[in-house]
Amino acid sequence: MKIDRKALEEATLDTLIGLPINFFLSWFIAYVVLSLGIYNALIISLCQVVVLTIFAIIRKYIIRIKYKKGEKNVSEKS
């Protein structure tokens, strides 16, 4: 199996950027929901999944666009 280095680099960067963002968002969502007096683990989990998914899609889109621009610049120079 051949490894696509650019894809691996993009996936690693996306994961490393997402880690602190997701940690902060998870903590913040739990804090807000608990401060509202909601102690149901299912509701807390659903809130986190919705927010984290939205942020992940936005983050992945931005990173993909950046890499796509980089690919175009490299192919134009060739």
PDB file of N, CA and C in Angstrom:
ATOM      1  N   MET A   1       0.837  -1.175   0.000  1.00  0.00           N
ATOM      2  CA  MET A   1       0.000   0.000   0.000  1.00  0.00           C
ATOM      3  C   MET A   1       0.891   1.251   0.000  1.00  0.00           C
ATOM      4  N   LYS A   2       0.635   2.140  -0.943  1.00  0.00           N
ATOM      5  CA  LYS A   2       1.404   3.377  -1.044  1.00  0.00           C
ATOM      6  C   LYS A   2       0.746   4.450  -0.179  1.00  0.00           C
ATOM      7  N   ILE A   3       1.558   5.147   0.596  1.00  0.00           N
ATOM      8  CA  ILE A   3       1.036   6.192   1.476  1.00  0.00           C
ATOM      9  C   ILE A   3       1.111   7.535   0.761  1.00  0.00           C
ATOM     10  N   ASP A   4      -0.009   8.229   0.732  1.00  0.00           N
ATOM     11  CA  ASP A   4      -0.075   9.573   0.158  1.00  0.00           C
ATOM     12  C   ASP A   4       0.383  10.551   1.246  1.00  0.00           C
ATOM     13  N   ARG A   5       1.586  11.036   1.103  1.00  0.00           N
ATOM     14  CA  ARG A   5       2.182  11.887   2.144  1.00  0.00           C
ATOM     15  C   ARG A   5       1.408  13.180   2.364  1.00  0.00           C
ATOM     16  N   LYS A   6       0.910  13.786   1.296  1.00  0.00           N
ATOM     17  CA  LYS A   6       0.144  15.035   1.438  1.00  0.00           C
ATOM     18  C   LYS A   6      -1.150  14.782   2.202  1.00  0.00           C
ATOM     19  N   ALA A   7      -1.824  13.672   1.903  1.00  0.00           N
ATOM     20  CA  ALA A   7      -3.061  13.340   2.605  1.00  0.00           C
ATOM     21  C   ALA A   7      -2.774  13.061   4.078  1.00  0.00           C
ATOM     22  N   LEU A   8      -1.675  12.361   4.354  1.00  0.00           N
ATOM     23  CA  LEU A   8      -1.292  12.076   5.741  1.00  0.00           C
ATOM     24  C   LEU A   8      -0.957  13.366   6.478  1.00  0.00           C
ATOM     25  N   GLU A   9      -0.237  14.258   5.811  1.00  0.00           N
ATOM     26  CA  GLU A   9       0.110  15.551   6.411  1.00  0.00           C
ATOM     27  C   GLU A   9      -1.153  16.361   6.713  1.00  0.00           C
ATOM     28  N   GLU A  10      -2.075  16.386   5.765  1.00  0.00           N
ATOM     29  CA  GLU A  10      -3.325  17.123   5.954  1.00  0.00           C
ATOM     30  C   GLU A  10      -4.148  16.541   7.102  1.00  0.00           C
ATOM     31  N   ALA A  11      -4.245  15.213   7.159  1.00  0.00           N
ATOM     32  CA  ALA A  11      -5.016  14.563   8.224  1.00  0.00           C
ATOM     33  C   ALA A  11      -4.384  14.812   9.592  1.00  0.00           C
ATOM     34  N   THR A  12      -3.058  14.763   9.649  1.00  0.00           N
ATOM     35  CA  THR A  12      -2.355  14.999  10.914  1.00  0.00           C
ATOM     36  C   THR A  12      -2.540  16.442  11.374  1.00  0.00           C
ATOM     37  N   LEU A  13      -2.382  17.381  10.444  1.00  0.00           N
ATOM     38  CA  LEU A  13      -2.562  18.790  10.785  1.00  0.00           C
ATOM     39  C   LEU A  13      -3.980  19.054  11.275  1.00  0.00           C
ATOM     40  N   ASP A  14      -4.958  18.506  10.574  1.00  0.00           N
ATOM     41  CA  ASP A  14      -6.353  18.698  10.958  1.00  0.00           C
ATOM     42  C   ASP A  14      -6.616  18.147  12.360  1.00  0.00           C
ATOM     43  N   THR A  15      -6.065  16.982  12.645  1.00  0.00           N
ATOM     44  CA  THR A  15      -6.246  16.377  13.966  1.00  0.00           C
ATOM     45  C   THR A  15      -5.575  17.193  15.062  1.00  0.00           C
ATOM     46  N   LEU A  16      -4.353  17.666  14.802  1.00  0.00           N
ATOM     47  CA  LEU A  16      -3.633  18.451  15.802  1.00  0.00           C
ATOM     48  C   LEU A  16      -4.291  19.799  16.051  1.00  0.00           C
ATOM     49  N   ILE A  17      -4.848  20.404  15.014  1.00  0.00           N
ATOM     50  CA  ILE A  17      -5.574  21.662  15.200  1.00  0.00           C
ATOM     51  C   ILE A  17      -6.877  21.409  15.950  1.00  0.00           C
ATOM     52  N   GLY A  18      -7.537  20.295  15.645  1.00  0.00           N
ATOM     53  CA  GLY A  18      -8.819  19.978  16.260  1.00  0.00           C
ATOM     54  C   GLY A  18      -8.741  19.626  17.733  1.00  0.00           C
ATOM     55  N   LEU A  19      -7.618  19.065  18.160  1.00  0.00           N
ATOM     56  CA  LEU A  19      -7.498  18.609  19.554  1.00  0.00           C
ATOM     57  C   LEU A  19      -7.754  19.710  20.584  1.00  0.00           C
ATOM     58  N   PRO A  20      -7.039  20.823  20.550  1.00  0.00           N
ATOM     59  CA  PRO A  20      -7.315  21.862  21.559  1.00  0.00           C
ATOM     60  C   PRO A  20      -8.681  22.525  21.374  1.00  0.00           C
ATOM     61  N   ILE A  21      -9.104  22.659  20.116  1.00  0.00           N
ATOM     62  CA  ILE A  21     -10.424  23.247  19.866  1.00  0.00           C
ATOM     63  C   ILE A  21     -11.504  22.362  20.471  1.00  0.00           C
ATOM     64  N   ASN A  22     -11.424  21.063  20.204  1.00  0.00           N
ATOM     65  CA  ASN A  22     -12.433  20.135  20.718  1.00  0.00           C
ATOM     66  C   ASN A  22     -12.407  20.046  22.239  1.00  0.00           C
ATOM     67  N   PHE A  23     -11.215  20.075  22.825  1.00  0.00           N
ATOM     68  CA  PHE A  23     -11.131  20.026  24.280  1.00  0.00           C
ATOM     69  C   PHE A  23     -11.852  21.224  24.895  1.00  0.00           C
ATOM     70  N   PHE A  24     -11.531  22.431  24.388  1.00  0.00           N
ATOM     71  CA  PHE A  24     -12.158  23.645  24.907  1.00  0.00           C
ATOM     72  C   PHE A  24     -13.669  23.612  24.688  1.00  0.00           C
ATOM     73  N   LEU A  25     -14.100  23.255  23.481  1.00  0.00           N
ATOM     74  CA  LEU A  25     -15.537  23.224  23.188  1.00  0.00           C
ATOM     75  C   LEU A  25     -16.273  22.211  24.072  1.00  0.00           C
ATOM     76  N   SER A  26     -15.687  21.031  24.256  1.00  0.00           N
ATOM     77  CA  SER A  26     -16.316  20.019  25.106  1.00  0.00           C
ATOM     78  C   SER A  26     -16.486  20.520  26.534  1.00  0.00           C
ATOM     79  N   TRP A  27     -15.417  21.115  27.057  1.00  0.00           N
ATOM     80  CA  TRP A  27     -15.485  21.655  28.416  1.00  0.00           C
ATOM     81  C   TRP A  27     -16.527  22.761  28.499  1.00  0.00           C
ATOM     82  N   PHE A  28     -16.511  23.676  27.542  1.00  0.00           N
ATOM     83  CA  PHE A  28     -17.430  24.812  27.557  1.00  0.00           C
ATOM     84  C   PHE A  28     -18.891  24.356  27.449  1.00  0.00           C
ATOM     85  N   ILE A  29     -19.153  23.425  26.568  1.00  0.00           N
ATOM     86  CA  ILE A  29     -20.523  22.927  26.402  1.00  0.00           C
ATOM     87  C   ILE A  29     -20.987  22.241  27.683  1.00  0.00           C
ATOM     88  N   ALA A  30     -20.132  21.407  28.261  1.00  0.00           N
ATOM     89  CA  ALA A  30     -20.494  20.738  29.517  1.00  0.00           C
ATOM     90  C   ALA A  30     -20.751  21.770  30.615  1.00  0.00           C
ATOM     91  N   TYR A  31     -19.905  22.778  30.688  1.00  0.00           N
ATOM     92  CA  TYR A  31     -20.060  23.826  31.691  1.00  0.00           C
ATOM     93  C   TYR A  31     -21.397  24.552  31.525  1.00  0.00           C
ATOM     94  N   VAL A  32     -21.719  24.954  30.297  1.00  0.00           N
ATOM     95  CA  VAL A  32     -22.954  25.695  30.035  1.00  0.00           C
ATOM     96  C   VAL A  32     -24.173  24.835  30.328  1.00  0.00           C
ATOM     97  N   VAL A  33     -24.164  23.611  29.819  1.00  0.00           N
ATOM     98  CA  VAL A  33     -25.331  22.741  30.004  1.00  0.00           C
ATOM     99  C   VAL A  33     -25.529  22.407  31.484  1.00  0.00           C
ATOM    100  N   LEU A  34     -24.437  22.119  32.190  1.00  0.00           N
ATOM    101  CA  LEU A  34     -24.552  21.821  33.615  1.00  0.00           C
ATOM    102  C   LEU A  34     -25.005  23.056  34.401  1.00  0.00           C
ATOM    103  N   SER A  35     -24.536  24.244  34.002  1.00  0.00           N
ATOM    104  CA  SER A  35     -24.949  25.460  34.709  1.00  0.00           C
ATOM    105  C   SER A  35     -26.430  25.775  34.461  1.00  0.00           C
ATOM    106  N   LEU A  36     -26.986  25.240  33.385  1.00  0.00           N
ATOM    107  CA  LEU A  36     -28.418  25.394  33.121  1.00  0.00           C
ATOM    108  C   LEU A  36     -29.258  24.383  33.915  1.00  0.00           C
ATOM    109  N   GLY A  37     -28.570  23.530  34.664  1.00  0.00           N
ATOM    110  CA  GLY A  37     -29.272  22.559  35.498  1.00  0.00           C
ATOM    111  C   GLY A  37     -29.656  21.281  34.767  1.00  0.00           C
ATOM    112  N   ILE A  38     -29.056  21.052  33.620  1.00  0.00           N
ATOM    113  CA  ILE A  38     -29.332  19.830  32.862  1.00  0.00           C
ATOM    114  C   ILE A  38     -28.239  18.822  33.201  1.00  0.00           C
ATOM    115  N   TYR A  39     -28.636  17.725  33.823  1.00  0.00           N
ATOM    116  CA  TYR A  39     -27.669  16.718  34.256  1.00  0.00           C
ATOM    117  C   TYR A  39     -27.840  15.399  33.517  1.00  0.00           C
ATOM    118  N   ASN A  40     -28.636  15.402  32.470  1.00  0.00           N
ATOM    119  CA  ASN A  40     -28.861  14.197  31.682  1.00  0.00           C
ATOM    120  C   ASN A  40     -27.673  14.000  30.737  1.00  0.00           C
ATOM    121  N   ALA A  41     -26.964  12.879  30.906  1.00  0.00           N
ATOM    122  CA  ALA A  41     -25.766  12.615  30.101  1.00  0.00           C
ATOM    123  C   ALA A  41     -26.080  12.544  28.613  1.00  0.00           C
ATOM    124  N   LEU A  42     -27.245  12.045  28.260  1.00  0.00           N
ATOM    125  CA  LEU A  42     -27.622  11.951  26.849  1.00  0.00           C
ATOM    126  C   LEU A  42     -27.757  13.338  26.226  1.00  0.00           C
ATOM    127  N   ILE A  43     -28.397  14.253  26.923  1.00  0.00           N
ATOM    128  CA  ILE A  43     -28.563  15.612  26.403  1.00  0.00           C
ATOM    129  C   ILE A  43     -27.216  16.321  26.288  1.00  0.00           C
ATOM    130  N   ILE A  44     -26.363  16.157  27.288  1.00  0.00           N
ATOM    131  CA  ILE A  44     -25.029  16.756  27.236  1.00  0.00           C
ATOM    132  C   ILE A  44     -24.256  16.198  26.040  1.00  0.00           C
ATOM    133  N   SER A  45     -24.308  14.888  25.851  1.00  0.00           N
ATOM    134  CA  SER A  45     -23.605  14.253  24.729  1.00  0.00           C
ATOM    135  C   SER A  45     -24.145  14.725  23.388  1.00  0.00           C
ATOM    136  N   LEU A  46     -25.450  14.835  23.270  1.00  0.00           N
ATOM    137  CA  LEU A  46     -26.049  15.301  22.012  1.00  0.00           C
ATOM    138  C   LEU A  46     -25.628  16.735  21.697  1.00  0.00           C
ATOM    139  N   CYS A  47     -25.624  17.585  22.704  1.00  0.00           N
ATOM    140  CA  CYS A  47     -25.183  18.977  22.497  1.00  0.00           C
ATOM    141  C   CYS A  47     -23.736  19.008  22.019  1.00  0.00           C
ATOM    142  N   GLN A  48     -22.893  18.212  22.645  1.00  0.00           N
ATOM    143  CA  GLN A  48     -21.488  18.179  22.256  1.00  0.00           C
ATOM    144  C   GLN A  48     -21.307  17.642  20.840  1.00  0.00           C
ATOM    145  N   VAL A  49     -22.015  16.595  20.498  1.00  0.00           N
ATOM    146  CA  VAL A  49     -21.890  16.017  19.159  1.00  0.00           C
ATOM    147  C   VAL A  49     -22.295  17.020  18.089  1.00  0.00           C
ATOM    148  N   VAL A  50     -23.389  17.722  18.309  1.00  0.00           N
ATOM    149  CA  VAL A  50     -23.856  18.702  17.322  1.00  0.00           C
ATOM    150  C   VAL A  50     -22.824  19.815  17.142  1.00  0.00           C
ATOM    151  N   VAL A  51     -22.383  20.404  18.231  1.00  0.00           N
ATOM    152  CA  VAL A  51     -21.437  21.529  18.147  1.00  0.00           C
ATOM    153  C   VAL A  51     -20.090  21.075  17.587  1.00  0.00           C
ATOM    154  N   LEU A  52     -19.560  19.959  18.071  1.00  0.00           N
ATOM    155  CA  LEU A  52     -18.264  19.481  17.599  1.00  0.00           C
ATOM    156  C   LEU A  52     -18.305  19.098  16.119  1.00  0.00           C
ATOM    157  N   THR A  53     -19.427  18.539  15.664  1.00  0.00           N
ATOM    158  CA  THR A  53     -19.561  18.185  14.249  1.00  0.00           C
ATOM    159  C   THR A  53     -19.558  19.425  13.372  1.00  0.00           C
ATOM    160  N   ILE A  54     -20.288  20.443  13.772  1.00  0.00           N
ATOM    161  CA  ILE A  54     -20.324  21.688  12.997  1.00  0.00           C
ATOM    162  C   ILE A  54     -18.925  22.295  12.912  1.00  0.00           C
ATOM    163  N   PHE A  55     -18.224  22.369  14.039  1.00  0.00           N
ATOM    164  CA  PHE A  55     -16.874  22.932  14.032  1.00  0.00           C
ATOM    165  C   PHE A  55     -15.909  22.063  13.233  1.00  0.00           C
ATOM    166  N   ALA A  56     -16.059  20.748  13.292  1.00  0.00           N
ATOM    167  CA  ALA A  56     -15.179  19.855  12.534  1.00  0.00           C
ATOM    168  C   ALA A  56     -15.363  20.043  11.033  1.00  0.00           C
ATOM    169  N   ILE A  57     -16.603  20.181  10.591  1.00  0.00           N
ATOM    170  CA  ILE A  57     -16.859  20.391   9.165  1.00  0.00           C
ATOM    171  C   ILE A  57     -16.241  21.704   8.700  1.00  0.00           C
ATOM    172  N   ILE A  58     -16.425  22.755   9.480  1.00  0.00           N
ATOM    173  CA  ILE A  58     -15.845  24.057   9.125  1.00  0.00           C
ATOM    174  C   ILE A  58     -14.320  23.974   9.098  1.00  0.00           C
ATOM    175  N   ARG A  59     -13.730  23.366  10.125  1.00  0.00           N
ATOM    176  CA  ARG A  59     -12.270  23.238  10.211  1.00  0.00           C
ATOM    177  C   ARG A  59     -11.720  22.422   9.051  1.00  0.00           C
ATOM    178  N   LYS A  60     -12.340  21.294   8.758  1.00  0.00           N
ATOM    179  CA  LYS A  60     -11.874  20.451   7.664  1.00  0.00           C
ATOM    180  C   LYS A  60     -12.008  21.150   6.317  1.00  0.00           C
ATOM    181  N   TYR A  61     -13.075  21.904   6.132  1.00  0.00           N
ATOM    182  CA  TYR A  61     -13.273  22.641   4.887  1.00  0.00           C
ATOM    183  C   TYR A  61     -12.160  23.668   4.692  1.00  0.00           C
ATOM    184  N   ILE A  62     -11.864  24.423   5.748  1.00  0.00           N
ATOM    185  CA  ILE A  62     -10.827  25.458   5.661  1.00  0.00           C
ATOM    186  C   ILE A  62      -9.466  24.828   5.354  1.00  0.00           C
ATOM    187  N   ILE A  63      -9.127  23.747   6.030  1.00  0.00           N
ATOM    188  CA  ILE A  63      -7.845  23.090   5.804  1.00  0.00           C
ATOM    189  C   ILE A  63      -7.780  22.496   4.401  1.00  0.00           C
ATOM    190  N   ARG A  64      -8.867  21.893   3.938  1.00  0.00           N
ATOM    191  CA  ARG A  64      -8.899  21.308   2.589  1.00  0.00           C
ATOM    192  C   ARG A  64      -8.701  22.385   1.536  1.00  0.00           C
ATOM    193  N   ILE A  65      -9.334  23.546   1.710  1.00  0.00           N
ATOM    194  CA  ILE A  65      -9.179  24.655   0.761  1.00  0.00           C
ATOM    195  C   ILE A  65      -7.719  25.128   0.742  1.00  0.00           C
ATOM    196  N   LYS A  66      -7.098  25.228   1.918  1.00  0.00           N
ATOM    197  CA  LYS A  66      -5.698  25.657   1.992  1.00  0.00           C
ATOM    198  C   LYS A  66      -4.797  24.670   1.241  1.00  0.00           C
ATOM    199  N   TYR A  67      -5.017  23.368   1.434  1.00  0.00           N
ATOM    200  CA  TYR A  67      -4.201  22.362   0.762  1.00  0.00           C
ATOM    201  C   TYR A  67      -4.478  22.345  -0.739  1.00  0.00           C
ATOM    202  N   LYS A  68      -5.724  22.565  -1.107  1.00  0.00           N
ATOM    203  CA  LYS A  68      -6.073  22.601  -2.526  1.00  0.00           C
ATOM    204  C   LYS A  68      -5.350  23.762  -3.217  1.00  0.00           C
ATOM    205  N   LYS A  69      -5.311  24.926  -2.568  1.00  0.00           N
ATOM    206  CA  LYS A  69      -4.583  26.079  -3.115  1.00  0.00           C
ATOM    207  C   LYS A  69      -3.097  25.759  -3.243  1.00  0.00           C
ATOM    208  N   GLY A  70      -2.548  25.070  -2.254  1.00  0.00           N
ATOM    209  CA  GLY A  70      -1.141  24.671  -2.304  1.00  0.00           C
ATOM    210  C   GLY A  70      -0.858  23.717  -3.441  1.00  0.00           C
ATOM    211  N   GLU A  71      -1.789  22.807  -3.725  1.00  0.00           N
ATOM    212  CA  GLU A  71      -1.622  21.861  -4.830  1.00  0.00           C
ATOM    213  C   GLU A  71      -1.646  22.592  -6.169  1.00  0.00           C
ATOM    214  N   LYS A  72      -2.517  23.597  -6.297  1.00  0.00           N
ATOM    215  CA  LYS A  72      -2.600  24.365  -7.543  1.00  0.00           C
ATOM    216  C   LYS A  72      -1.312  25.152  -7.759  1.00  0.00           C
ATOM    217  N   ASN A  73      -0.772  25.751  -6.702  1.00  0.00           N
ATOM    218  CA  ASN A  73       0.467  26.531  -6.822  1.00  0.00           C
ATOM    219  C   ASN A  73       1.633  25.654  -7.243  1.00  0.00           C
ATOM    220  N   VAL A  74       1.694  24.439  -6.737  1.00  0.00           N
ATOM    221  CA  VAL A  74       2.793  23.529  -7.088  1.00  0.00           C
ATOM    222  C   VAL A  74       2.656  23.098  -8.543  1.00  0.00           C
ATOM    223  N   SER A  75       1.441  22.785  -8.995  1.00  0.00           N
ATOM    224  CA  SER A  75       1.245  22.335 -10.370  1.00  0.00           C
ATOM    225  C   SER A  75       1.457  23.463 -11.364  1.00  0.00           C
ATOM    226  N   GLU A  76       1.203  24.705 -10.965  1.00  0.00           N
ATOM    227  CA  GLU A  76       1.420  25.852 -11.852  1.00  0.00           C
ATOM    228  C   GLU A  76       2.912  26.120 -12.042  1.00  0.00           C
ATOM    229  N   LYS A  77       3.712  25.842 -11.029  1.00  0.00           N
ATOM    230  CA  LYS A  77       5.147  26.072 -11.108  1.00  0.00           C
ATOM    231  C   LYS A  77       5.836  25.028 -11.980  1.00  0.00           C
ATOM    232  N   SER A  78       5.228  23.852 -12.086  1.00  0.00           N
ATOM    233  CA  SER A  78       5.838  22.754 -12.858  1.00  0.00           C
ATOM    234  C   SER A  78       5.773  22.992 -14.334  1.00  0.00           C
TER     235      SER A  78
END
